N, C-alpha and C. Protein backbone atom coordinates (compact mmCIF):
# COMPACT_ATOMS: atom_id res chain seq x y z
N UNK A 1 -8.53 79.67 72.15
CA UNK A 1 -9.02 78.32 71.90
C UNK A 1 -10.25 78.06 72.76
N UNK A 2 -11.29 77.46 72.17
CA UNK A 2 -12.51 77.19 72.90
C UNK A 2 -12.29 76.08 73.90
N UNK A 3 -12.77 76.30 75.13
CA UNK A 3 -12.67 75.29 76.16
C UNK A 3 -13.91 74.40 76.13
N UNK A 4 -13.71 73.10 76.36
CA UNK A 4 -14.84 72.19 76.40
C UNK A 4 -15.72 72.51 77.61
N UNK A 5 -17.02 72.40 77.42
CA UNK A 5 -17.93 72.64 78.53
C UNK A 5 -17.91 71.46 79.49
N UNK A 6 -17.99 71.78 80.77
CA UNK A 6 -18.07 70.74 81.77
C UNK A 6 -19.45 70.09 81.73
N UNK A 7 -19.49 68.83 82.14
CA UNK A 7 -20.78 68.15 82.22
C UNK A 7 -21.66 68.84 83.26
N UNK A 8 -22.93 68.93 82.97
CA UNK A 8 -23.86 69.58 83.89
C UNK A 8 -24.13 68.67 85.09
N UNK A 9 -24.26 69.25 86.27
CA UNK A 9 -24.65 68.46 87.45
C UNK A 9 -26.02 67.81 87.22
N UNK A 10 -26.25 66.69 87.87
CA UNK A 10 -27.52 66.00 87.73
C UNK A 10 -28.63 66.80 88.41
N UNK A 11 -29.80 66.72 87.83
CA UNK A 11 -30.98 67.40 88.37
C UNK A 11 -31.72 66.44 89.30
N UNK A 12 -32.14 66.95 90.42
CA UNK A 12 -32.91 66.15 91.36
C UNK A 12 -34.20 65.67 90.68
N UNK A 13 -34.38 64.37 90.52
CA UNK A 13 -35.57 63.87 89.81
C UNK A 13 -36.88 64.20 90.51
N UNK A 14 -36.80 64.54 91.80
CA UNK A 14 -38.02 64.89 92.54
C UNK A 14 -38.45 66.34 92.30
N UNK A 15 -37.62 67.10 91.64
CA UNK A 15 -37.93 68.51 91.42
C UNK A 15 -38.97 68.65 90.31
N UNK A 16 -40.02 69.38 90.59
CA UNK A 16 -41.10 69.58 89.63
C UNK A 16 -40.75 70.75 88.70
N UNK A 17 -40.54 70.45 87.42
CA UNK A 17 -40.16 71.48 86.45
C UNK A 17 -41.34 71.98 85.62
N UNK A 18 -42.53 71.47 85.88
CA UNK A 18 -43.67 71.78 85.02
C UNK A 18 -44.01 73.27 84.98
N UNK A 19 -43.72 73.97 86.04
CA UNK A 19 -44.00 75.41 86.10
C UNK A 19 -42.93 76.23 85.39
N UNK A 20 -41.73 75.67 85.26
CA UNK A 20 -40.59 76.47 84.79
C UNK A 20 -40.00 76.02 83.46
N UNK A 21 -40.48 74.92 82.90
CA UNK A 21 -39.95 74.43 81.63
C UNK A 21 -41.11 74.13 80.68
N UNK A 22 -41.09 74.81 79.52
CA UNK A 22 -42.14 74.66 78.53
C UNK A 22 -41.54 74.39 77.16
N UNK A 23 -42.35 73.90 76.26
CA UNK A 23 -41.95 73.73 74.87
C UNK A 23 -42.65 74.77 74.01
N UNK A 24 -42.16 74.93 72.80
CA UNK A 24 -42.80 75.86 71.86
C UNK A 24 -44.26 75.48 71.65
N UNK A 25 -44.53 74.18 71.54
CA UNK A 25 -45.88 73.72 71.28
C UNK A 25 -46.83 74.09 72.43
N UNK A 26 -46.34 74.07 73.64
CA UNK A 26 -47.18 74.43 74.79
C UNK A 26 -47.56 75.91 74.78
N UNK A 27 -46.78 76.73 74.10
CA UNK A 27 -47.08 78.16 74.04
C UNK A 27 -47.90 78.55 72.81
N UNK A 28 -48.11 77.59 71.90
CA UNK A 28 -48.81 77.90 70.66
C UNK A 28 -50.21 78.43 70.94
N UNK A 29 -50.62 79.36 70.11
CA UNK A 29 -51.93 80.00 70.29
C UNK A 29 -51.75 81.46 70.65
N UNK A 30 -52.85 82.16 70.90
CA UNK A 30 -52.76 83.58 71.27
C UNK A 30 -51.90 83.75 72.52
N UNK A 31 -51.06 84.77 72.52
CA UNK A 31 -50.16 85.02 73.65
C UNK A 31 -50.97 85.37 74.89
N UNK A 32 -50.65 84.71 76.00
CA UNK A 32 -51.36 84.96 77.26
C UNK A 32 -50.35 84.89 78.40
N UNK A 33 -49.86 86.05 78.82
CA UNK A 33 -48.86 86.10 79.88
C UNK A 33 -49.40 85.58 81.20
N UNK A 34 -50.68 85.76 81.43
CA UNK A 34 -51.26 85.31 82.70
C UNK A 34 -51.23 83.79 82.82
N UNK A 35 -51.27 83.09 81.68
CA UNK A 35 -51.19 81.63 81.73
C UNK A 35 -49.82 81.17 82.18
N UNK A 36 -48.79 81.97 81.92
CA UNK A 36 -47.43 81.62 82.31
C UNK A 36 -47.10 82.07 83.72
N UNK A 37 -47.47 83.29 84.03
CA UNK A 37 -47.01 83.90 85.29
C UNK A 37 -48.13 84.22 86.27
N UNK A 38 -49.37 84.01 85.86
CA UNK A 38 -50.48 84.29 86.76
C UNK A 38 -50.75 85.77 86.95
N UNK A 39 -50.22 86.60 86.07
CA UNK A 39 -50.41 88.05 86.20
C UNK A 39 -49.93 88.72 84.92
N UNK A 40 -50.13 90.01 84.82
CA UNK A 40 -49.55 90.81 83.74
C UNK A 40 -48.55 91.77 84.36
N UNK A 41 -47.29 91.66 83.94
CA UNK A 41 -46.21 92.47 84.48
C UNK A 41 -45.22 92.75 83.36
N UNK A 42 -44.34 93.73 83.53
CA UNK A 42 -43.31 93.96 82.52
C UNK A 42 -42.55 92.67 82.21
N UNK A 43 -42.36 92.39 80.91
CA UNK A 43 -41.78 91.12 80.48
C UNK A 43 -40.45 91.36 79.75
N UNK A 44 -39.45 90.55 80.13
CA UNK A 44 -38.15 90.59 79.46
C UNK A 44 -37.83 89.21 78.91
N UNK A 45 -37.14 89.19 77.78
CA UNK A 45 -36.82 87.95 77.08
C UNK A 45 -35.31 87.77 77.00
N UNK A 46 -34.83 86.57 77.33
CA UNK A 46 -33.42 86.25 77.12
C UNK A 46 -33.33 85.17 76.05
N UNK A 47 -32.51 85.40 75.06
CA UNK A 47 -32.29 84.46 73.97
C UNK A 47 -31.00 83.69 74.24
N UNK A 48 -31.12 82.39 74.41
CA UNK A 48 -29.95 81.56 74.70
C UNK A 48 -29.58 81.62 76.17
N UNK A 49 -30.39 81.02 77.02
CA UNK A 49 -30.22 81.17 78.46
C UNK A 49 -29.11 80.30 79.05
N UNK A 50 -28.64 79.30 78.32
CA UNK A 50 -27.54 78.49 78.82
C UNK A 50 -27.86 77.89 80.17
N UNK A 51 -26.95 78.09 81.13
CA UNK A 51 -27.14 77.52 82.47
C UNK A 51 -28.07 78.35 83.35
N UNK A 52 -28.54 79.49 82.85
CA UNK A 52 -29.57 80.23 83.55
C UNK A 52 -29.10 81.25 84.56
N UNK A 53 -27.82 81.63 84.53
CA UNK A 53 -27.32 82.58 85.53
C UNK A 53 -28.02 83.93 85.42
N UNK A 54 -28.12 84.48 84.20
CA UNK A 54 -28.79 85.77 84.06
C UNK A 54 -30.25 85.68 84.47
N UNK A 55 -30.93 84.66 83.99
CA UNK A 55 -32.36 84.54 84.25
C UNK A 55 -32.64 84.45 85.75
N UNK A 56 -31.86 83.65 86.45
CA UNK A 56 -32.06 83.50 87.90
C UNK A 56 -31.77 84.80 88.64
N UNK A 57 -30.66 85.44 88.31
CA UNK A 57 -30.30 86.68 89.00
C UNK A 57 -31.29 87.80 88.70
N UNK A 58 -31.71 87.91 87.45
CA UNK A 58 -32.64 88.97 87.07
C UNK A 58 -34.00 88.76 87.74
N UNK A 59 -34.48 87.52 87.74
CA UNK A 59 -35.79 87.24 88.34
C UNK A 59 -35.77 87.46 89.85
N UNK A 60 -34.65 87.12 90.48
CA UNK A 60 -34.54 87.32 91.93
C UNK A 60 -34.44 88.79 92.29
N UNK A 61 -33.78 89.57 91.43
CA UNK A 61 -33.57 90.99 91.72
C UNK A 61 -34.79 91.84 91.42
N UNK A 62 -35.67 91.37 90.53
CA UNK A 62 -36.84 92.15 90.12
C UNK A 62 -38.08 91.28 90.20
N UNK A 63 -38.65 91.17 91.37
CA UNK A 63 -39.82 90.33 91.57
C UNK A 63 -41.07 90.93 90.93
N UNK A 64 -41.02 92.22 90.57
CA UNK A 64 -42.16 92.86 89.94
C UNK A 64 -42.15 92.67 88.42
N UNK A 65 -41.08 92.10 87.89
CA UNK A 65 -40.99 91.83 86.46
C UNK A 65 -41.05 90.34 86.19
N UNK A 66 -41.41 89.97 84.96
CA UNK A 66 -41.42 88.58 84.53
C UNK A 66 -40.34 88.36 83.48
N UNK A 67 -39.78 87.12 83.43
CA UNK A 67 -38.64 86.84 82.57
C UNK A 67 -38.85 85.51 81.85
N UNK A 68 -38.70 85.57 80.54
CA UNK A 68 -38.88 84.40 79.69
C UNK A 68 -37.54 84.09 79.02
N UNK A 69 -37.01 82.91 79.27
CA UNK A 69 -35.76 82.49 78.64
C UNK A 69 -36.03 81.48 77.54
N UNK A 70 -35.22 81.52 76.49
CA UNK A 70 -35.35 80.56 75.40
C UNK A 70 -34.00 79.87 75.23
N UNK A 71 -34.02 78.55 75.17
CA UNK A 71 -32.78 77.78 75.02
C UNK A 71 -33.03 76.61 74.07
N UNK A 72 -32.20 76.52 73.02
CA UNK A 72 -32.41 75.49 72.01
C UNK A 72 -31.93 74.12 72.48
N UNK A 73 -30.99 74.07 73.41
CA UNK A 73 -30.49 72.80 73.95
C UNK A 73 -31.41 72.32 75.07
N UNK A 74 -31.94 71.13 74.92
CA UNK A 74 -32.88 70.62 75.93
C UNK A 74 -32.21 70.44 77.29
N UNK A 75 -30.99 69.92 77.29
CA UNK A 75 -30.34 69.66 78.59
C UNK A 75 -30.03 70.96 79.33
N UNK A 76 -29.68 72.00 78.59
CA UNK A 76 -29.42 73.29 79.25
C UNK A 76 -30.73 73.96 79.66
N UNK A 77 -31.76 73.81 78.85
CA UNK A 77 -33.07 74.36 79.23
C UNK A 77 -33.56 73.71 80.52
N UNK A 78 -33.42 72.40 80.64
CA UNK A 78 -33.84 71.69 81.85
C UNK A 78 -33.01 72.11 83.05
N UNK A 79 -31.71 72.27 82.83
CA UNK A 79 -30.82 72.66 83.93
C UNK A 79 -31.19 74.05 84.45
N UNK A 80 -31.39 75.00 83.54
CA UNK A 80 -31.76 76.35 83.95
C UNK A 80 -33.12 76.38 84.61
N UNK A 81 -34.08 75.61 84.08
CA UNK A 81 -35.40 75.55 84.68
C UNK A 81 -35.34 74.96 86.08
N UNK A 82 -34.47 73.99 86.28
CA UNK A 82 -34.31 73.39 87.61
C UNK A 82 -33.78 74.41 88.61
N UNK A 83 -32.90 75.29 88.17
CA UNK A 83 -32.40 76.34 89.06
C UNK A 83 -33.52 77.29 89.46
N UNK A 84 -34.37 77.63 88.51
CA UNK A 84 -35.51 78.50 88.82
C UNK A 84 -36.46 77.82 89.80
N UNK A 85 -36.74 76.55 89.55
CA UNK A 85 -37.66 75.81 90.41
C UNK A 85 -37.09 75.67 91.82
N UNK A 86 -35.80 75.37 91.91
CA UNK A 86 -35.17 75.20 93.22
C UNK A 86 -35.25 76.47 94.04
N UNK A 87 -35.12 77.63 93.38
CA UNK A 87 -35.15 78.91 94.07
C UNK A 87 -36.57 79.50 94.16
N UNK A 88 -37.53 78.73 93.64
CA UNK A 88 -38.94 79.15 93.67
C UNK A 88 -39.15 80.52 93.02
N UNK A 89 -38.50 80.71 91.88
CA UNK A 89 -38.62 81.95 91.13
C UNK A 89 -39.76 81.79 90.11
N UNK A 90 -40.97 82.07 90.57
CA UNK A 90 -42.13 81.87 89.72
C UNK A 90 -42.36 83.00 88.73
N UNK A 91 -41.49 84.00 88.74
CA UNK A 91 -41.59 85.08 87.75
C UNK A 91 -40.63 84.86 86.58
N UNK A 92 -40.19 83.62 86.40
CA UNK A 92 -39.32 83.29 85.28
C UNK A 92 -39.58 81.86 84.83
N UNK A 93 -39.43 81.61 83.54
CA UNK A 93 -39.54 80.25 83.03
C UNK A 93 -38.72 80.11 81.76
N UNK A 94 -38.45 78.86 81.38
CA UNK A 94 -37.65 78.53 80.21
C UNK A 94 -38.52 77.92 79.13
N UNK A 95 -38.24 78.29 77.89
CA UNK A 95 -38.85 77.64 76.75
C UNK A 95 -37.76 76.87 76.01
N UNK A 96 -37.95 75.58 75.85
CA UNK A 96 -37.02 74.80 75.04
C UNK A 96 -37.49 74.91 73.59
N UNK A 97 -36.74 75.65 72.79
CA UNK A 97 -37.16 75.83 71.41
C UNK A 97 -36.31 76.84 70.67
N UNK A 98 -36.80 77.24 69.52
CA UNK A 98 -36.12 78.14 68.59
C UNK A 98 -36.57 79.58 68.86
N UNK A 99 -35.63 80.43 69.25
CA UNK A 99 -35.96 81.82 69.58
C UNK A 99 -36.55 82.56 68.39
N UNK A 100 -36.09 82.27 67.20
CA UNK A 100 -36.62 82.95 66.02
C UNK A 100 -38.11 82.68 65.85
N UNK A 101 -38.52 81.44 66.09
CA UNK A 101 -39.94 81.10 65.97
C UNK A 101 -40.76 81.73 67.08
N UNK A 102 -40.22 81.76 68.29
CA UNK A 102 -40.95 82.36 69.41
C UNK A 102 -41.25 83.82 69.11
N UNK A 103 -40.24 84.56 68.65
CA UNK A 103 -40.46 85.98 68.35
C UNK A 103 -41.39 86.16 67.17
N UNK A 104 -41.17 85.39 66.11
CA UNK A 104 -41.94 85.60 64.88
C UNK A 104 -43.38 85.12 64.98
N UNK A 105 -43.62 84.03 65.72
CA UNK A 105 -44.92 83.39 65.69
C UNK A 105 -45.76 83.54 66.96
N UNK A 106 -45.13 83.86 68.08
CA UNK A 106 -45.86 83.87 69.34
C UNK A 106 -46.02 85.24 69.99
N UNK A 107 -44.98 86.05 69.94
CA UNK A 107 -45.00 87.29 70.71
C UNK A 107 -45.65 88.44 69.92
N UNK A 108 -46.61 89.13 70.52
CA UNK A 108 -47.28 90.24 69.83
C UNK A 108 -46.43 91.51 69.85
N UNK A 109 -46.88 92.50 69.14
CA UNK A 109 -46.19 93.79 69.08
C UNK A 109 -46.12 94.43 70.47
N UNK A 110 -44.96 95.03 70.77
CA UNK A 110 -44.82 95.87 71.95
C UNK A 110 -44.98 95.18 73.29
N UNK A 111 -44.73 93.88 73.36
CA UNK A 111 -44.98 93.15 74.60
C UNK A 111 -43.76 93.12 75.53
N UNK A 112 -42.57 93.43 75.02
CA UNK A 112 -41.34 93.22 75.78
C UNK A 112 -40.73 94.54 76.29
N UNK A 113 -40.31 94.51 77.54
CA UNK A 113 -39.56 95.64 78.10
C UNK A 113 -38.10 95.59 77.68
N UNK A 114 -37.57 94.38 77.48
CA UNK A 114 -36.17 94.25 77.08
C UNK A 114 -35.95 92.89 76.44
N UNK A 115 -34.95 92.84 75.57
CA UNK A 115 -34.46 91.59 74.99
C UNK A 115 -32.97 91.50 75.31
N UNK A 116 -32.56 90.35 75.82
CA UNK A 116 -31.17 90.13 76.22
C UNK A 116 -30.57 89.02 75.35
N UNK A 117 -29.47 89.35 74.68
CA UNK A 117 -28.77 88.37 73.85
C UNK A 117 -27.30 88.42 74.24
N UNK A 118 -26.85 87.41 74.97
CA UNK A 118 -25.49 87.40 75.50
C UNK A 118 -24.70 86.22 74.94
N UNK A 119 -23.63 86.54 74.25
CA UNK A 119 -22.67 85.55 73.74
C UNK A 119 -23.35 84.48 72.88
N UNK A 120 -24.08 84.89 71.84
CA UNK A 120 -24.70 83.89 70.96
C UNK A 120 -23.62 83.14 70.17
N UNK A 121 -23.99 81.95 69.73
CA UNK A 121 -23.06 81.13 68.93
C UNK A 121 -22.60 81.93 67.71
N UNK A 122 -21.28 82.12 67.53
CA UNK A 122 -20.80 82.93 66.40
C UNK A 122 -20.84 82.20 65.07
N UNK A 123 -21.04 80.87 65.07
CA UNK A 123 -21.01 80.11 63.83
C UNK A 123 -19.83 80.57 62.96
N UNK A 124 -18.66 80.14 63.36
CA UNK A 124 -17.41 80.68 62.82
C UNK A 124 -17.26 80.55 61.31
N UNK A 125 -17.63 79.42 60.74
CA UNK A 125 -17.39 79.21 59.31
C UNK A 125 -18.33 80.09 58.49
N UNK A 126 -17.78 80.67 57.43
CA UNK A 126 -18.55 81.62 56.62
C UNK A 126 -19.82 81.00 56.07
N UNK A 127 -19.77 79.72 55.70
CA UNK A 127 -20.96 79.08 55.13
C UNK A 127 -22.06 78.87 56.18
N UNK A 128 -21.69 79.02 57.47
CA UNK A 128 -22.67 78.87 58.54
C UNK A 128 -23.18 80.21 59.08
N UNK A 129 -22.68 81.32 58.54
CA UNK A 129 -23.08 82.63 59.06
C UNK A 129 -24.59 82.85 58.97
N UNK A 130 -25.25 82.18 58.04
CA UNK A 130 -26.70 82.34 57.89
C UNK A 130 -27.45 81.80 59.11
N UNK A 131 -26.78 81.01 59.94
CA UNK A 131 -27.41 80.45 61.14
C UNK A 131 -27.33 81.41 62.33
N UNK A 132 -26.58 82.47 62.21
CA UNK A 132 -26.44 83.40 63.32
C UNK A 132 -27.78 84.02 63.69
N UNK A 133 -28.00 84.12 65.00
CA UNK A 133 -29.28 84.67 65.48
C UNK A 133 -29.42 86.15 65.16
N UNK A 134 -28.30 86.86 65.12
CA UNK A 134 -28.36 88.30 64.83
C UNK A 134 -28.43 88.51 63.33
N UNK A 135 -29.62 88.26 62.78
CA UNK A 135 -29.84 88.45 61.35
C UNK A 135 -30.98 89.45 61.15
N UNK A 136 -31.18 89.88 59.93
CA UNK A 136 -32.12 90.97 59.65
C UNK A 136 -33.54 90.63 60.10
N UNK A 137 -34.04 89.46 59.73
CA UNK A 137 -35.43 89.11 60.07
C UNK A 137 -35.63 89.02 61.58
N UNK A 138 -34.69 88.39 62.26
CA UNK A 138 -34.80 88.25 63.71
C UNK A 138 -34.80 89.61 64.38
N UNK A 139 -33.91 90.50 63.98
CA UNK A 139 -33.80 91.81 64.62
C UNK A 139 -35.00 92.70 64.30
N UNK A 140 -35.61 92.51 63.16
CA UNK A 140 -36.85 93.23 62.88
C UNK A 140 -37.96 92.81 63.83
N UNK A 141 -37.99 91.51 64.18
CA UNK A 141 -38.97 91.04 65.15
C UNK A 141 -38.63 91.51 66.56
N UNK A 142 -37.35 91.64 66.86
CA UNK A 142 -36.96 92.23 68.15
C UNK A 142 -37.53 93.63 68.26
N UNK A 143 -37.34 94.43 67.21
CA UNK A 143 -37.87 95.80 67.22
C UNK A 143 -39.39 95.80 67.35
N UNK A 144 -40.05 94.91 66.63
CA UNK A 144 -41.52 94.86 66.66
C UNK A 144 -42.05 94.50 68.05
N UNK A 145 -41.41 93.57 68.72
CA UNK A 145 -41.92 93.08 70.00
C UNK A 145 -41.51 93.94 71.19
N UNK A 146 -40.53 94.83 71.00
CA UNK A 146 -40.18 95.76 72.08
C UNK A 146 -41.23 96.85 72.20
N UNK A 147 -41.53 97.24 73.41
CA UNK A 147 -42.41 98.37 73.62
C UNK A 147 -41.62 99.67 73.44
N UNK A 148 -42.29 100.78 73.31
CA UNK A 148 -41.61 102.08 73.20
C UNK A 148 -40.74 102.29 74.44
N UNK A 149 -39.47 102.61 74.20
CA UNK A 149 -38.53 102.76 75.31
C UNK A 149 -37.87 101.47 75.71
N UNK A 150 -38.30 100.34 75.12
CA UNK A 150 -37.70 99.04 75.43
C UNK A 150 -36.28 98.94 74.91
N UNK A 151 -35.52 98.01 75.47
CA UNK A 151 -34.09 97.94 75.16
C UNK A 151 -33.66 96.57 74.68
N UNK A 152 -32.70 96.58 73.78
CA UNK A 152 -32.00 95.37 73.33
C UNK A 152 -30.58 95.42 73.90
N UNK A 153 -30.19 94.35 74.60
CA UNK A 153 -28.84 94.21 75.14
C UNK A 153 -28.14 93.10 74.36
N UNK A 154 -27.03 93.43 73.72
CA UNK A 154 -26.29 92.45 72.92
C UNK A 154 -24.82 92.49 73.31
N UNK A 155 -24.31 91.33 73.77
CA UNK A 155 -22.89 91.20 74.14
C UNK A 155 -22.30 90.00 73.42
N UNK A 156 -21.02 90.10 73.08
CA UNK A 156 -20.29 88.98 72.49
C UNK A 156 -18.81 89.18 72.75
N UNK A 157 -18.06 88.10 72.62
CA UNK A 157 -16.61 88.20 72.73
C UNK A 157 -15.95 88.10 71.36
N UNK A 158 -16.75 88.15 70.29
CA UNK A 158 -16.24 88.03 68.92
C UNK A 158 -16.41 89.38 68.23
N UNK A 159 -15.31 90.08 68.04
CA UNK A 159 -15.36 91.45 67.50
C UNK A 159 -15.99 91.49 66.11
N UNK A 160 -15.64 90.55 65.25
CA UNK A 160 -16.18 90.56 63.89
C UNK A 160 -17.70 90.36 63.90
N UNK A 161 -18.19 89.50 64.78
CA UNK A 161 -19.63 89.28 64.91
C UNK A 161 -20.31 90.53 65.47
N UNK A 162 -19.67 91.15 66.45
CA UNK A 162 -20.20 92.38 67.04
C UNK A 162 -20.38 93.45 65.96
N UNK A 163 -19.35 93.68 65.18
CA UNK A 163 -19.41 94.70 64.12
C UNK A 163 -20.46 94.35 63.08
N UNK A 164 -20.54 93.07 62.72
CA UNK A 164 -21.51 92.63 61.71
C UNK A 164 -22.94 92.85 62.21
N UNK A 165 -23.19 92.48 63.47
CA UNK A 165 -24.52 92.64 64.05
C UNK A 165 -24.92 94.11 64.15
N UNK A 166 -23.98 94.95 64.55
CA UNK A 166 -24.28 96.38 64.65
C UNK A 166 -24.60 96.99 63.29
N UNK A 167 -23.93 96.50 62.25
CA UNK A 167 -24.21 96.98 60.90
C UNK A 167 -25.63 96.59 60.47
N UNK A 168 -26.04 95.38 60.81
CA UNK A 168 -27.40 94.93 60.48
C UNK A 168 -28.43 95.76 61.25
N UNK A 169 -28.18 96.00 62.52
CA UNK A 169 -29.09 96.80 63.34
C UNK A 169 -29.26 98.20 62.76
N UNK A 170 -28.18 98.79 62.32
CA UNK A 170 -28.27 100.14 61.74
C UNK A 170 -29.03 100.12 60.42
N UNK A 171 -28.82 99.09 59.63
CA UNK A 171 -29.42 99.03 58.30
C UNK A 171 -30.88 98.59 58.33
N UNK A 172 -31.23 97.67 59.23
CA UNK A 172 -32.53 97.02 59.17
C UNK A 172 -33.53 97.47 60.23
N UNK A 173 -33.09 98.23 61.23
CA UNK A 173 -34.01 98.65 62.30
C UNK A 173 -33.88 100.14 62.57
N UNK A 174 -34.82 100.64 63.36
CA UNK A 174 -34.78 102.04 63.79
C UNK A 174 -34.38 102.15 65.26
N UNK A 175 -33.84 101.09 65.82
CA UNK A 175 -33.42 101.13 67.22
C UNK A 175 -32.27 102.12 67.38
N UNK A 176 -32.32 102.87 68.44
CA UNK A 176 -31.31 103.91 68.68
C UNK A 176 -30.13 103.31 69.45
N UNK A 177 -28.94 103.47 68.90
CA UNK A 177 -27.74 102.94 69.54
C UNK A 177 -26.65 102.79 68.49
N UNK A 178 -25.57 102.12 68.82
CA UNK A 178 -25.36 101.45 70.12
C UNK A 178 -24.87 102.41 71.20
N UNK A 179 -25.29 102.13 72.42
CA UNK A 179 -24.72 102.79 73.58
C UNK A 179 -23.75 101.82 74.23
N UNK A 180 -22.59 102.31 74.61
CA UNK A 180 -21.59 101.45 75.24
C UNK A 180 -22.05 101.06 76.64
N UNK A 181 -21.68 99.87 77.05
CA UNK A 181 -22.00 99.37 78.39
C UNK A 181 -20.69 99.01 79.08
N UNK A 182 -20.24 99.82 80.02
CA UNK A 182 -18.96 99.53 80.67
C UNK A 182 -19.06 98.29 81.55
N UNK A 183 -17.98 97.53 81.69
CA UNK A 183 -18.01 96.35 82.56
C UNK A 183 -18.15 96.75 84.02
N UNK A 184 -18.89 95.98 84.76
CA UNK A 184 -19.04 96.22 86.20
C UNK A 184 -18.01 95.40 86.96
N UNK A 185 -17.72 95.83 88.16
CA UNK A 185 -16.78 95.10 89.01
C UNK A 185 -17.53 93.98 89.72
N UNK A 186 -17.06 92.76 89.58
CA UNK A 186 -17.71 91.61 90.22
C UNK A 186 -17.47 91.66 91.73
N UNK A 187 -18.54 91.57 92.49
CA UNK A 187 -18.43 91.63 93.95
C UNK A 187 -18.40 90.24 94.59
N UNK A 188 -18.70 89.20 93.79
CA UNK A 188 -18.60 87.82 94.28
C UNK A 188 -18.41 86.92 93.06
N UNK A 189 -18.07 85.65 93.25
CA UNK A 189 -17.71 84.78 92.14
C UNK A 189 -18.77 84.60 91.06
N UNK A 190 -20.05 84.80 91.38
CA UNK A 190 -21.10 84.64 90.39
C UNK A 190 -21.72 85.97 89.98
N UNK A 191 -21.02 87.07 90.25
CA UNK A 191 -21.54 88.40 89.94
C UNK A 191 -21.18 88.78 88.51
N UNK A 192 -21.71 87.99 87.57
CA UNK A 192 -21.50 88.24 86.15
C UNK A 192 -22.84 88.08 85.45
N UNK A 193 -22.96 88.64 84.24
CA UNK A 193 -24.23 88.58 83.53
C UNK A 193 -24.56 87.13 83.15
N UNK A 194 -23.57 86.37 82.70
CA UNK A 194 -23.76 84.97 82.35
C UNK A 194 -22.52 84.18 82.75
N UNK A 195 -22.64 82.86 82.73
CA UNK A 195 -21.47 82.01 82.99
C UNK A 195 -20.40 82.25 81.94
N UNK A 196 -20.83 82.52 80.70
CA UNK A 196 -19.85 82.74 79.64
C UNK A 196 -19.09 84.03 79.86
N UNK A 197 -19.78 85.07 80.34
CA UNK A 197 -19.06 86.31 80.65
C UNK A 197 -18.04 86.07 81.76
N UNK A 198 -18.43 85.30 82.78
CA UNK A 198 -17.51 85.01 83.88
C UNK A 198 -16.26 84.33 83.36
N UNK A 199 -16.43 83.30 82.56
CA UNK A 199 -15.27 82.57 82.04
C UNK A 199 -14.41 83.47 81.16
N UNK A 200 -15.04 84.26 80.31
CA UNK A 200 -14.30 85.14 79.40
C UNK A 200 -13.50 86.19 80.16
N UNK A 201 -14.12 86.80 81.15
CA UNK A 201 -13.42 87.85 81.90
C UNK A 201 -12.32 87.29 82.79
N UNK A 202 -12.53 86.10 83.36
CA UNK A 202 -11.49 85.49 84.18
C UNK A 202 -10.27 85.11 83.33
N UNK A 203 -10.50 84.90 82.04
CA UNK A 203 -9.40 84.61 81.12
C UNK A 203 -8.83 85.89 80.49
N UNK A 204 -9.32 87.04 80.97
CA UNK A 204 -8.85 88.36 80.52
C UNK A 204 -9.04 88.56 79.02
N UNK A 205 -10.17 88.08 78.52
CA UNK A 205 -10.53 88.28 77.13
C UNK A 205 -11.51 89.43 77.00
N UNK A 206 -11.52 90.06 75.86
CA UNK A 206 -12.38 91.22 75.64
C UNK A 206 -13.84 90.81 75.50
N UNK A 207 -14.73 91.65 76.01
CA UNK A 207 -16.16 91.48 75.84
C UNK A 207 -16.70 92.76 75.21
N UNK A 208 -17.48 92.62 74.14
CA UNK A 208 -18.03 93.76 73.42
C UNK A 208 -19.51 93.87 73.79
N UNK A 209 -19.89 95.00 74.38
CA UNK A 209 -21.23 95.19 74.92
C UNK A 209 -21.93 96.35 74.22
N UNK A 210 -23.22 96.20 73.98
CA UNK A 210 -23.99 97.29 73.38
C UNK A 210 -25.41 97.27 73.91
N UNK A 211 -26.04 98.43 73.85
CA UNK A 211 -27.43 98.58 74.26
C UNK A 211 -28.15 99.48 73.26
N UNK A 212 -29.32 99.04 72.84
CA UNK A 212 -30.13 99.80 71.89
C UNK A 212 -31.51 100.06 72.50
N UNK A 213 -32.12 101.17 72.10
CA UNK A 213 -33.42 101.56 72.65
C UNK A 213 -34.42 101.80 71.52
N UNK A 214 -35.64 101.30 71.70
CA UNK A 214 -36.70 101.59 70.75
C UNK A 214 -37.27 102.96 71.03
N UNK A 215 -37.37 103.76 70.01
CA UNK A 215 -37.84 105.14 70.17
C UNK A 215 -39.28 105.19 70.65
N UNK A 216 -39.57 106.17 71.48
CA UNK A 216 -40.96 106.38 71.90
C UNK A 216 -41.75 106.95 70.74
N UNK A 217 -43.06 106.71 70.77
CA UNK A 217 -43.91 107.15 69.66
C UNK A 217 -44.03 108.66 69.64
């Protein structure tokens, strides 16, 4: 049974989010990583950043890389951006918007080192399956925007969605995989890929993990 999400803590109104929170419209035009991060560095994309646990941990662990998160919920995008701003992680930022549009309309070929998709909305009802992010057109853009050797990380706790997505990846892309990703042992209470993974594993529920790689030329 799905658990209701807790209300998000309030954001300090004095916190400046202008560096870490953007809209799709602000990114419109030719892609320019230097305008976002002040440099050109390996770039990774997270689709559906939620509360920002992955984005914050990844940006803190790899200061030589840049990280772009996309979140369709404004309140969650603001919350995650506030965490980045509070920790002064200038190598990461949030886009409040539609991930499908960002990939299709903004990101050029071969710009991404990795794409991370963790626990996307399964859209349970069959008539809503067309809304799932793991669809043919979206995954073709994932392949296009990954650089040679770049990786797609896809995790979910819904076995039927996992199998369906893997079938689309095999049919519609040339990405090599899936490679299994074994669970790591958490060394502290927040040592999980996302808040959703933490909740799922603490409830002893299964998590299905996969990794795909774009072939080198």
